[in-house]
Amino acid sequence: MATPLADTLFWIAALAILVAQAVILRSTKRGMDVAGPVRSPVLEWIFAVGPALGLIVLLYFTRLAMHPANLHGSGVVPTTLGPRA
């Protein structure tokens, strides 16, 4: 189980990644508008969007690792084998 500090740091990092990826995509679009058709625009977008998708997957699995009980709970409480001491 993650601590509140770990949760806060995770969401701060996720927000920073979101802002950085938005700036990268904006820069890619502006660079393509200024430079003209030097390269394939599809290839440019693949190299811009690919890392963003990879980071989304990485953040998803990081969140799963931080909160395994919340995301994979079976909802069944195990029974005890005898009286507790």
N, C-alpha and C. Protein backbone atom coordinates (compact mmCIF):
# COMPACT_ATOMS: atom_id res chain seq x y z
N MET A 1 0.84 -1.18 0.00
CA MET A 1 0.00 0.00 0.00
C MET A 1 0.88 1.25 0.00
N ALA A 2 0.57 2.15 -0.85
CA ALA A 2 1.36 3.37 -0.96
C ALA A 2 0.98 4.36 0.13
N THR A 3 1.94 5.11 0.55
CA THR A 3 1.69 6.16 1.54
C THR A 3 1.11 7.38 0.84
N PRO A 4 0.50 8.29 1.60
CA PRO A 4 0.00 9.52 0.98
C PRO A 4 1.11 10.33 0.29
N LEU A 5 2.31 10.29 0.85
CA LEU A 5 3.42 11.00 0.22
C LEU A 5 3.75 10.38 -1.14
N ALA A 6 3.77 9.06 -1.21
CA ALA A 6 4.05 8.38 -2.48
C ALA A 6 2.97 8.68 -3.50
N ASP A 7 1.70 8.70 -3.05
CA ASP A 7 0.61 9.05 -3.96
C ASP A 7 0.76 10.47 -4.49
N THR A 8 1.10 11.39 -3.60
CA THR A 8 1.28 12.78 -4.01
C THR A 8 2.41 12.92 -5.02
N LEU A 9 3.53 12.26 -4.74
CA LEU A 9 4.67 12.32 -5.67
C LEU A 9 4.31 11.68 -7.01
N PHE A 10 3.54 10.60 -6.99
CA PHE A 10 3.12 9.96 -8.24
C PHE A 10 2.29 10.93 -9.08
N TRP A 11 1.32 11.60 -8.46
CA TRP A 11 0.45 12.50 -9.23
C TRP A 11 1.20 13.75 -9.68
N ILE A 12 2.15 14.21 -8.90
CA ILE A 12 2.97 15.35 -9.35
C ILE A 12 3.80 14.94 -10.57
N ALA A 13 4.39 13.75 -10.52
CA ALA A 13 5.17 13.26 -11.66
C ALA A 13 4.28 13.05 -12.88
N ALA A 14 3.08 12.51 -12.67
CA ALA A 14 2.16 12.29 -13.79
C ALA A 14 1.76 13.62 -14.43
N LEU A 15 1.52 14.64 -13.60
CA LEU A 15 1.18 15.96 -14.13
C LEU A 15 2.36 16.57 -14.90
N ALA A 16 3.56 16.40 -14.38
CA ALA A 16 4.75 16.92 -15.07
C ALA A 16 4.94 16.22 -16.41
N ILE A 17 4.69 14.93 -16.45
CA ILE A 17 4.79 14.18 -17.70
C ILE A 17 3.74 14.66 -18.70
N LEU A 18 2.53 14.91 -18.22
CA LEU A 18 1.46 15.40 -19.09
C LEU A 18 1.82 16.75 -19.70
N VAL A 19 2.33 17.65 -18.88
CA VAL A 19 2.72 18.98 -19.38
C VAL A 19 3.87 18.86 -20.38
N ALA A 20 4.86 18.04 -20.07
CA ALA A 20 6.01 17.88 -20.96
C ALA A 20 5.58 17.27 -22.30
N GLN A 21 4.71 16.29 -22.27
CA GLN A 21 4.26 15.67 -23.52
C GLN A 21 3.43 16.65 -24.34
N ALA A 22 2.63 17.48 -23.69
CA ALA A 22 1.86 18.49 -24.42
C ALA A 22 2.79 19.47 -25.12
N VAL A 23 3.86 19.88 -24.44
CA VAL A 23 4.82 20.80 -25.05
C VAL A 23 5.55 20.12 -26.21
N ILE A 24 5.89 18.85 -26.06
CA ILE A 24 6.56 18.11 -27.14
C ILE A 24 5.65 18.01 -28.36
N LEU A 25 4.38 17.69 -28.15
CA LEU A 25 3.45 17.57 -29.28
C LEU A 25 3.22 18.92 -29.95
N ARG A 26 3.10 19.98 -29.14
CA ARG A 26 2.94 21.32 -29.72
C ARG A 26 4.17 21.72 -30.53
N SER A 27 5.35 21.41 -29.99
CA SER A 27 6.58 21.72 -30.69
C SER A 27 6.70 20.93 -31.99
N THR A 28 6.28 19.69 -31.97
CA THR A 28 6.32 18.87 -33.18
C THR A 28 5.42 19.47 -34.25
N LYS A 29 4.22 19.87 -33.86
CA LYS A 29 3.29 20.46 -34.84
C LYS A 29 3.84 21.77 -35.40
N ARG A 30 4.38 22.63 -34.51
CA ARG A 30 4.92 23.91 -34.98
C ARG A 30 6.14 23.69 -35.87
N GLY A 31 6.99 22.74 -35.52
CA GLY A 31 8.16 22.47 -36.34
C GLY A 31 7.79 21.93 -37.71
N MET A 32 6.75 21.12 -37.76
CA MET A 32 6.31 20.60 -39.06
C MET A 32 5.71 21.70 -39.92
N ASP A 33 5.02 22.67 -39.29
CA ASP A 33 4.43 23.78 -40.04
C ASP A 33 5.51 24.69 -40.62
N VAL A 34 6.58 24.93 -39.86
CA VAL A 34 7.64 25.84 -40.30
C VAL A 34 8.56 25.18 -41.32
N ALA A 35 8.95 23.94 -41.08
CA ALA A 35 9.95 23.28 -41.93
C ALA A 35 9.37 22.81 -43.25
N GLY A 36 8.07 22.61 -43.32
CA GLY A 36 7.49 22.10 -44.55
C GLY A 36 7.65 20.59 -44.62
N PRO A 37 7.35 20.03 -45.78
CA PRO A 37 7.39 18.57 -45.91
C PRO A 37 8.81 18.03 -46.14
N VAL A 38 9.66 18.10 -45.12
CA VAL A 38 11.01 17.56 -45.23
C VAL A 38 10.99 16.06 -45.03
N ARG A 39 10.25 15.61 -44.03
CA ARG A 39 10.10 14.18 -43.75
C ARG A 39 8.63 13.81 -43.80
N SER A 40 8.39 12.54 -43.62
CA SER A 40 7.01 12.07 -43.58
C SER A 40 6.34 12.56 -42.31
N PRO A 41 5.19 13.23 -42.42
CA PRO A 41 4.51 13.69 -41.20
C PRO A 41 4.04 12.53 -40.31
N VAL A 42 3.74 11.39 -40.91
CA VAL A 42 3.32 10.24 -40.12
C VAL A 42 4.47 9.77 -39.25
N LEU A 43 5.67 9.73 -39.81
CA LEU A 43 6.84 9.31 -39.04
C LEU A 43 7.13 10.30 -37.91
N GLU A 44 6.97 11.58 -38.18
CA GLU A 44 7.18 12.59 -37.13
C GLU A 44 6.20 12.37 -35.98
N TRP A 45 4.94 12.12 -36.28
CA TRP A 45 3.95 11.92 -35.23
C TRP A 45 4.17 10.61 -34.49
N ILE A 46 4.65 9.59 -35.18
CA ILE A 46 4.95 8.33 -34.49
C ILE A 46 6.04 8.54 -33.45
N PHE A 47 7.08 9.28 -33.82
CA PHE A 47 8.17 9.54 -32.88
C PHE A 47 7.76 10.52 -31.78
N ALA A 48 6.71 11.28 -31.97
CA ALA A 48 6.24 12.19 -30.93
C ALA A 48 5.22 11.53 -30.01
N VAL A 49 4.33 10.72 -30.57
CA VAL A 49 3.26 10.11 -29.79
C VAL A 49 3.71 8.80 -29.16
N GLY A 50 4.64 8.09 -29.77
CA GLY A 50 5.11 6.80 -29.24
C GLY A 50 5.61 6.86 -27.81
N PRO A 51 6.51 7.78 -27.49
CA PRO A 51 6.96 7.88 -26.10
C PRO A 51 5.83 8.26 -25.13
N ALA A 52 4.88 9.07 -25.59
CA ALA A 52 3.75 9.43 -24.73
C ALA A 52 2.93 8.19 -24.38
N LEU A 53 2.69 7.35 -25.35
CA LEU A 53 1.94 6.11 -25.09
C LEU A 53 2.73 5.18 -24.17
N GLY A 54 4.03 5.12 -24.37
CA GLY A 54 4.88 4.31 -23.50
C GLY A 54 4.84 4.80 -22.06
N LEU A 55 4.82 6.11 -21.87
CA LEU A 55 4.75 6.66 -20.52
C LEU A 55 3.39 6.40 -19.87
N ILE A 56 2.33 6.41 -20.67
CA ILE A 56 1.00 6.08 -20.13
C ILE A 56 0.99 4.65 -19.60
N VAL A 57 1.56 3.73 -20.38
CA VAL A 57 1.63 2.33 -19.94
C VAL A 57 2.49 2.21 -18.68
N LEU A 58 3.60 2.91 -18.65
CA LEU A 58 4.49 2.87 -17.48
C LEU A 58 3.79 3.42 -16.24
N LEU A 59 3.06 4.52 -16.38
CA LEU A 59 2.33 5.07 -15.24
C LEU A 59 1.23 4.13 -14.78
N TYR A 60 0.57 3.45 -15.70
CA TYR A 60 -0.48 2.50 -15.35
C TYR A 60 0.09 1.36 -14.50
N PHE A 61 1.20 0.77 -14.95
CA PHE A 61 1.79 -0.32 -14.20
C PHE A 61 2.41 0.14 -12.88
N THR A 62 2.88 1.38 -12.83
CA THR A 62 3.37 1.94 -11.58
C THR A 62 2.22 2.07 -10.59
N ARG A 63 1.09 2.54 -11.06
CA ARG A 63 -0.09 2.67 -10.20
C ARG A 63 -0.55 1.30 -9.71
N LEU A 64 -0.51 0.30 -10.58
CA LEU A 64 -0.86 -1.06 -10.16
C LEU A 64 0.08 -1.56 -9.07
N ALA A 65 1.35 -1.29 -9.20
CA ALA A 65 2.33 -1.74 -8.21
C ALA A 65 2.14 -1.00 -6.88
N MET A 66 1.69 0.24 -6.94
CA MET A 66 1.50 1.01 -5.71
C MET A 66 0.24 0.59 -4.95
N HIS A 67 -0.79 0.17 -5.67
CA HIS A 67 -2.08 -0.17 -5.06
C HIS A 67 -2.59 -1.51 -5.56
N PRO A 68 -1.90 -2.60 -5.26
CA PRO A 68 -2.35 -3.89 -5.80
C PRO A 68 -3.68 -4.36 -5.22
N ALA A 69 -3.96 -4.09 -3.95
CA ALA A 69 -5.20 -4.56 -3.34
C ALA A 69 -6.41 -3.81 -3.88
N ASN A 70 -6.26 -2.55 -4.19
CA ASN A 70 -7.38 -1.76 -4.68
C ASN A 70 -7.78 -2.15 -6.09
N LEU A 71 -6.85 -2.63 -6.89
CA LEU A 71 -7.15 -2.91 -8.29
C LEU A 71 -7.37 -4.39 -8.58
N HIS A 72 -6.89 -5.28 -7.71
CA HIS A 72 -7.02 -6.70 -7.98
C HIS A 72 -7.68 -7.45 -6.82
N GLY A 73 -8.54 -6.80 -6.08
CA GLY A 73 -9.18 -7.45 -4.95
C GLY A 73 -10.24 -8.44 -5.39
N SER A 74 -10.31 -9.57 -4.70
CA SER A 74 -11.32 -10.57 -5.05
C SER A 74 -12.61 -10.34 -4.29
N GLY A 75 -12.56 -9.57 -3.22
CA GLY A 75 -13.76 -9.31 -2.45
C GLY A 75 -14.11 -10.40 -1.47
N VAL A 76 -13.28 -11.43 -1.35
CA VAL A 76 -13.54 -12.55 -0.46
C VAL A 76 -12.58 -12.45 0.72
N VAL A 77 -13.14 -12.50 1.92
CA VAL A 77 -12.32 -12.44 3.13
C VAL A 77 -11.93 -13.87 3.48
N PRO A 78 -10.64 -14.15 3.68
CA PRO A 78 -10.25 -15.52 4.02
C PRO A 78 -10.75 -15.91 5.41
N THR A 79 -11.11 -17.16 5.54
CA THR A 79 -11.61 -17.65 6.84
C THR A 79 -10.43 -18.00 7.74
N THR A 80 -10.66 -17.95 9.05
CA THR A 80 -9.62 -18.35 10.00
C THR A 80 -9.75 -19.82 10.31
N LEU A 81 -8.68 -20.44 10.68
CA LEU A 81 -8.67 -21.87 10.94
C LEU A 81 -9.02 -22.21 12.39
N GLY A 82 -9.02 -21.25 13.26
CA GLY A 82 -9.33 -21.54 14.66
C GLY A 82 -9.46 -20.25 15.43
N PRO A 83 -9.67 -20.37 16.72
CA PRO A 83 -9.79 -19.14 17.53
C PRO A 83 -8.46 -18.41 17.61
N ARG A 84 -8.55 -17.12 17.63
CA ARG A 84 -7.33 -16.30 17.74
C ARG A 84 -6.91 -16.20 19.20
N ALA A 85 -5.63 -16.13 19.37
CA ALA A 85 -5.11 -16.07 20.74
C ALA A 85 -5.12 -14.65 21.27
